[in-house]
Amino acid sequence: GDEVPDLLAIGFSGPDAVGHRYGPDSPQLLDSLRRLDRTLGELFDFLDRRVGLDHVLLALSGDHGAVPVPEVRETRELAGHRADDDDVLCMQGVYARLQGRFGDGRWLEPGPFISKEAKEAEREGEVERAAAELMASCPGVRRVWTRTNLLDPTAAEDPIGRQFAHSFHPDRSPDLMVLRDEFFLSSRTAASSHGTPWAYDTHVPLMIAGAGVTAGPRGDRVRTVDLAPTLAWKLGAPPSGEIDGVVLETGR
């Protein structure tokens, strides 16, 4: 039969750890990226010697970006905020404030999830709405998405709501998901982190180069989930089932 191409996937996790500890503006991350560049060069040289780069298809991407260090932005007179005592106390206070509305009991569980007690009392909807309202009143909170919101098909009509809806799993995800202001860092210990729908988190590089690829940048929007079906198509084995990504035309 036809020869099956070899497929090799490698994850380089060093920049992630360095970025969390020192931030995206740090000389430590720059050093990490320079070392990664050297490593990739050695890998490409090895592939060229063994099989020839004319027979190799290369794809590079990342799984997320990172929020700029708030303290660095502040020195540049730009907006940026790290969670402080007031932010933390406001969120923690939601649990007690719910007791003020609904009486003694544990109405919300860490996550946050609506408690079993609230469900047994058939007050799940009331607690969900009240918790979302209280959380939305805390500093740095842009919006709170609830389970009810995210299970509503119209949530996808809003670009950020679509991202939250796609990240929501009914059996695993918290019942309330908080959207913080842009350039807000929830972590009080890490220099930087990720997990928001803002561009600095979601805009990552994606490059495909090598055998059969026409060189040049693309002006249209692409997604990391497009990488898998594109590589499968290039290998002559397009996915047979329904998947999220689409094939990016790269030439043959």
Foldseek 3Di string as FASTA:
>chain_A
DDDFDDDDDDDDCVLVVQCFAPNPVDVSSVVVVVVVVVVVVVVVVVCCVPPRLQPDKDKDKDDWFKQGQQVVCVVVVHDAEEDDPQLVCQLVCLQVVVCVVVNDDRQFDPLTAGDPVCVVVVNSVVSQVSSQVSNCPGPQFPGKAFQVLLVDVCLCVDVQSVVVNVVDDPVDHHRIDTAGHGNYHHDPRTSIDEDHPDCSIQPMDIDMDTHFFDDDDDDDDAHPQQVVQQVCVVSVHGDPDDDDHHHDDGGD
